[in-house]
Amino acid sequence: MEGVVKESSISIEISGKDALDFECDALILKYAQHLYGADAAVHARLSDIGKEPSLPDIGEAVITSSSGAVGARYVAFPAGR
């Protein structure tokens, strides 16, 4: 099979820094059917700039651009089961 092989890597970092200001590609926040702690703070910052994301149903996820509201380029709200 011929073609271009694109290599990529994923780096996961656990940090004690403020999640709202930590610069990264994606900030993944568990959504537990209500907003608490960090997910509430990120949701509030997104809402403050007019980008209030819809929240996921159980087993779903919502991914949105942060538009500079937080340090991460994208924010994901996955909902557990």
N, C-alpha and C. Protein backbone atom coordinates (compact mmCIF):
# COMPACT_ATOMS: atom_id res chain seq x y z
N MET A 1 0.84 -1.17 0.00
CA MET A 1 0.00 0.00 0.00
C MET A 1 0.89 1.23 0.00
N GLU A 2 0.67 2.11 -0.95
CA GLU A 2 1.46 3.33 -1.03
C GLU A 2 0.68 4.49 -0.46
N GLY A 3 1.38 5.47 0.01
CA GLY A 3 0.75 6.67 0.53
C GLY A 3 1.66 7.35 1.53
N VAL A 4 1.16 8.38 2.07
CA VAL A 4 1.92 9.15 3.05
C VAL A 4 1.56 8.64 4.43
N VAL A 5 2.58 8.35 5.19
CA VAL A 5 2.36 7.94 6.58
C VAL A 5 2.63 9.16 7.45
N LYS A 6 1.63 9.54 8.18
CA LYS A 6 1.77 10.69 9.06
C LYS A 6 2.00 10.18 10.48
N GLU A 7 3.13 10.52 11.02
CA GLU A 7 3.42 10.13 12.39
C GLU A 7 2.89 11.20 13.32
N SER A 8 2.34 10.77 14.42
CA SER A 8 1.89 11.71 15.43
C SER A 8 2.15 11.11 16.80
N SER A 9 2.14 11.95 17.75
CA SER A 9 2.32 11.47 19.11
C SER A 9 1.37 12.21 20.03
N ILE A 10 1.04 11.57 21.10
CA ILE A 10 0.18 12.17 22.11
C ILE A 10 1.00 12.28 23.38
N SER A 11 0.95 13.43 23.96
CA SER A 11 1.65 13.66 25.21
C SER A 11 0.61 14.00 26.27
N ILE A 12 0.65 13.30 27.37
CA ILE A 12 -0.26 13.58 28.47
C ILE A 12 0.57 14.09 29.63
N GLU A 13 0.16 15.22 30.18
CA GLU A 13 0.89 15.80 31.30
C GLU A 13 -0.06 16.02 32.45
N ILE A 14 0.33 15.59 33.62
CA ILE A 14 -0.43 15.86 34.83
C ILE A 14 0.29 16.98 35.55
N SER A 15 -0.46 18.03 35.87
CA SER A 15 0.16 19.22 36.43
C SER A 15 -0.65 19.73 37.61
N GLY A 16 0.02 20.36 38.53
CA GLY A 16 -0.66 20.99 39.65
C GLY A 16 -0.98 22.45 39.38
N LYS A 17 -0.78 22.89 38.14
CA LYS A 17 -1.05 24.28 37.78
C LYS A 17 -2.55 24.52 37.64
N ASP A 18 -2.93 25.79 37.59
CA ASP A 18 -4.33 26.17 37.41
C ASP A 18 -4.81 25.72 36.04
N ALA A 19 -5.81 24.86 36.01
CA ALA A 19 -6.32 24.29 34.76
C ALA A 19 -6.85 25.36 33.81
N LEU A 20 -7.34 26.47 34.36
CA LEU A 20 -7.89 27.51 33.50
C LEU A 20 -6.82 28.26 32.72
N ASP A 21 -5.63 28.32 33.26
CA ASP A 21 -4.56 29.09 32.61
C ASP A 21 -3.49 28.22 31.97
N PHE A 22 -3.55 26.91 32.14
CA PHE A 22 -2.54 25.99 31.63
C PHE A 22 -2.64 25.93 30.10
N GLU A 23 -1.55 26.25 29.41
CA GLU A 23 -1.55 26.25 27.95
C GLU A 23 -1.34 24.83 27.43
N CYS A 24 -2.30 24.37 26.63
CA CYS A 24 -2.25 23.02 26.07
C CYS A 24 -3.20 22.96 24.87
N ASP A 25 -3.17 21.85 24.16
CA ASP A 25 -4.07 21.68 23.02
C ASP A 25 -5.50 21.43 23.47
N ALA A 26 -5.67 20.56 24.49
CA ALA A 26 -7.03 20.20 24.91
C ALA A 26 -7.10 20.02 26.42
N LEU A 27 -8.14 20.56 27.00
CA LEU A 27 -8.43 20.38 28.41
C LEU A 27 -9.67 19.50 28.49
N ILE A 28 -9.52 18.32 29.12
CA ILE A 28 -10.61 17.36 29.22
C ILE A 28 -11.18 17.44 30.63
N LEU A 29 -12.46 17.75 30.74
CA LEU A 29 -13.11 17.93 32.03
C LEU A 29 -14.29 16.97 32.16
N LYS A 30 -14.28 16.13 33.17
CA LYS A 30 -15.40 15.21 33.36
C LYS A 30 -16.64 16.00 33.74
N TYR A 31 -17.72 15.73 33.03
CA TYR A 31 -19.01 16.37 33.32
C TYR A 31 -19.89 15.33 33.99
N ALA A 32 -20.33 15.60 35.21
CA ALA A 32 -21.10 14.63 36.01
C ALA A 32 -22.57 15.05 36.14
N GLN A 33 -23.18 15.44 35.05
CA GLN A 33 -24.58 15.86 34.96
C GLN A 33 -24.88 17.17 35.69
N HIS A 34 -23.91 17.73 36.36
CA HIS A 34 -23.99 19.06 36.96
C HIS A 34 -22.60 19.66 36.90
N LEU A 35 -22.52 20.98 36.88
CA LEU A 35 -21.23 21.65 36.84
C LEU A 35 -20.70 21.84 38.26
N TYR A 36 -19.46 21.40 38.48
CA TYR A 36 -18.77 21.55 39.76
C TYR A 36 -17.38 22.09 39.47
N GLY A 37 -16.67 22.58 40.44
CA GLY A 37 -15.25 22.90 40.34
C GLY A 37 -14.74 23.44 39.02
N ALA A 38 -13.74 22.74 38.47
CA ALA A 38 -13.06 23.21 37.25
C ALA A 38 -13.99 23.26 36.05
N ASP A 39 -14.89 22.28 35.90
CA ASP A 39 -15.79 22.32 34.74
C ASP A 39 -16.73 23.52 34.83
N ALA A 40 -17.16 23.87 36.05
CA ALA A 40 -18.02 25.05 36.23
C ALA A 40 -17.26 26.33 35.90
N ALA A 41 -16.00 26.41 36.32
CA ALA A 41 -15.20 27.60 36.06
C ALA A 41 -14.93 27.79 34.57
N VAL A 42 -14.61 26.70 33.88
CA VAL A 42 -14.37 26.78 32.43
C VAL A 42 -15.67 27.14 31.71
N HIS A 43 -16.77 26.51 32.09
CA HIS A 43 -18.06 26.81 31.47
C HIS A 43 -18.41 28.29 31.67
N ALA A 44 -18.14 28.82 32.86
CA ALA A 44 -18.41 30.24 33.14
C ALA A 44 -17.56 31.15 32.26
N ARG A 45 -16.28 30.82 32.10
CA ARG A 45 -15.40 31.64 31.24
C ARG A 45 -15.87 31.61 29.79
N LEU A 46 -16.27 30.44 29.32
CA LEU A 46 -16.79 30.35 27.95
C LEU A 46 -18.08 31.16 27.81
N SER A 47 -18.94 31.07 28.81
CA SER A 47 -20.19 31.83 28.78
C SER A 47 -19.93 33.33 28.78
N ASP A 48 -18.91 33.76 29.54
CA ASP A 48 -18.58 35.19 29.62
C ASP A 48 -18.21 35.78 28.27
N ILE A 49 -17.69 34.95 27.35
CA ILE A 49 -17.33 35.47 26.02
C ILE A 49 -18.39 35.09 24.97
N GLY A 50 -19.55 34.63 25.45
CA GLY A 50 -20.64 34.31 24.53
C GLY A 50 -20.52 32.96 23.84
N LYS A 51 -19.72 32.05 24.40
CA LYS A 51 -19.52 30.73 23.80
C LYS A 51 -20.02 29.62 24.71
N GLU A 52 -21.13 29.83 25.40
CA GLU A 52 -21.65 28.82 26.33
C GLU A 52 -21.90 27.51 25.60
N PRO A 53 -21.12 26.47 25.93
CA PRO A 53 -21.31 25.19 25.22
C PRO A 53 -22.52 24.44 25.74
N SER A 54 -23.14 23.68 24.86
CA SER A 54 -24.18 22.77 25.33
C SER A 54 -23.48 21.71 26.15
N LEU A 55 -24.19 21.08 27.05
CA LEU A 55 -23.60 20.05 27.89
C LEU A 55 -24.06 18.68 27.42
N PRO A 56 -23.20 17.67 27.52
CA PRO A 56 -23.50 16.37 26.94
C PRO A 56 -24.49 15.54 27.74
N ASP A 57 -25.18 14.66 27.02
CA ASP A 57 -26.00 13.65 27.66
C ASP A 57 -25.08 12.54 28.15
N ILE A 58 -25.57 11.68 29.00
CA ILE A 58 -24.78 10.56 29.52
C ILE A 58 -24.23 9.74 28.36
N GLY A 59 -22.92 9.46 28.41
CA GLY A 59 -22.25 8.68 27.38
C GLY A 59 -21.82 9.48 26.17
N GLU A 60 -22.10 10.77 26.14
CA GLU A 60 -21.73 11.63 25.02
C GLU A 60 -20.60 12.57 25.45
N ALA A 61 -20.14 13.40 24.53
CA ALA A 61 -19.12 14.40 24.83
C ALA A 61 -19.36 15.64 23.97
N VAL A 62 -18.97 16.78 24.49
CA VAL A 62 -19.01 18.04 23.75
C VAL A 62 -17.58 18.57 23.70
N ILE A 63 -17.12 18.93 22.51
CA ILE A 63 -15.79 19.50 22.32
C ILE A 63 -15.96 20.85 21.65
N THR A 64 -15.30 21.88 22.18
CA THR A 64 -15.45 23.22 21.63
C THR A 64 -14.12 23.96 21.67
N SER A 65 -13.96 24.90 20.78
CA SER A 65 -12.80 25.79 20.82
C SER A 65 -12.94 26.70 22.03
N SER A 66 -11.85 26.98 22.69
CA SER A 66 -11.92 27.86 23.87
C SER A 66 -11.95 29.33 23.48
N SER A 67 -11.55 29.64 22.26
CA SER A 67 -11.50 31.03 21.79
C SER A 67 -10.75 31.95 22.75
N GLY A 68 -9.75 31.39 23.43
CA GLY A 68 -8.92 32.18 24.34
C GLY A 68 -9.49 32.38 25.73
N ALA A 69 -10.64 31.80 26.03
CA ALA A 69 -11.24 31.96 27.36
C ALA A 69 -10.42 31.27 28.44
N VAL A 70 -9.71 30.21 28.06
CA VAL A 70 -8.81 29.48 28.96
C VAL A 70 -7.51 29.22 28.21
N GLY A 71 -6.53 28.67 28.88
CA GLY A 71 -5.23 28.43 28.25
C GLY A 71 -5.25 27.35 27.18
N ALA A 72 -6.17 26.41 27.29
CA ALA A 72 -6.26 25.32 26.31
C ALA A 72 -6.90 25.81 25.02
N ARG A 73 -6.47 25.24 23.88
CA ARG A 73 -7.08 25.60 22.59
C ARG A 73 -8.49 25.05 22.48
N TYR A 74 -8.69 23.83 23.00
CA TYR A 74 -10.00 23.17 22.94
C TYR A 74 -10.38 22.68 24.33
N VAL A 75 -11.67 22.60 24.58
CA VAL A 75 -12.19 22.08 25.84
C VAL A 75 -13.16 20.96 25.52
N ALA A 76 -13.03 19.85 26.25
CA ALA A 76 -13.94 18.72 26.07
C ALA A 76 -14.65 18.44 27.38
N PHE A 77 -15.96 18.23 27.26
CA PHE A 77 -16.79 17.86 28.40
C PHE A 77 -17.36 16.47 28.13
N PRO A 78 -16.65 15.38 28.49
CA PRO A 78 -17.25 14.06 28.34
C PRO A 78 -18.12 13.75 29.57
N ALA A 79 -19.25 13.09 29.34
CA ALA A 79 -20.14 12.71 30.44
C ALA A 79 -20.03 11.22 30.68
N GLY A 80 -19.84 10.84 31.91
CA GLY A 80 -19.75 9.42 32.27
C GLY A 80 -21.09 8.73 32.18
N ARG A 81 -21.06 7.45 32.44
CA ARG A 81 -22.30 6.67 32.42
C ARG A 81 -22.73 6.35 33.81
